[in-house]
């Protein structure tokens, strides 16, 4: 069942002008610094989404196993570039390719808008997965469902590290498929698809709070991960290079 994405209303309205673009099940929130906003951004965003959806939907129509696979999917001849990107990211994390699809849309839209309009600051949000391009540090609080830590802790995204992908997966929140019970697993990577894939993979592995430490240890194997924050119940685990703050 659809639930309104009320967290989108919590972005700093003085720092970001915003608009939303919806096509089929895809719903993106775009935040941009007011001085960089241009007429036509909504239409360009819509066209990018439609193009991506058509490529993936047509491929899935011919190869339904791509959408259904919960395991890494081999790259095949004739596969569209977007599907190849999904395969690359999901192979690193050990999940099915559609586990990184939200990150794909966030990154592709973000990169194209940045190329066309050269904004000073840009955030593309797709179901909790973000492409971030900023000129000053950005503090992102973590929504973790019913956990007492929900929106009480957040990640500081260093501006010099952007563009960057920051993605969140949860087993107790939202409609996305998860085999875990984590309230939130946030992962930051240079590549948004990889951040999405790793967040999904690690979220799958957390069945109870005691699994957090195992997941953090496992994340050390991947140099692509800049930071990871995992929340399950009243327990939180943090590893990485970015500052994590508690909200006063």
Foldseek 3Di string as FASTA:
>chain_A
DDDDPCVVVVPDVQQWDWDWADDDPWIKIKTAGPVLDDPPLNVVLNVQVVVVCVLVVVVCVVVVCLVVFQFQDDDDPPRDPLQVVLNVLLNVLGTRSVLLVQLSSQVVSVVVCCVPRVTQWMWMDTPQKIFTAHDAKDWDFAAQPPAPQGSQKTWIHHNVLPRKIKGKDAPVDDDDDELEHWSIKIWIFRRRSNRSNNNRSLRNQHHALVCPVVSVVVVVVDPRTQWMWTHHHHDIDIDHDTDMDGHD
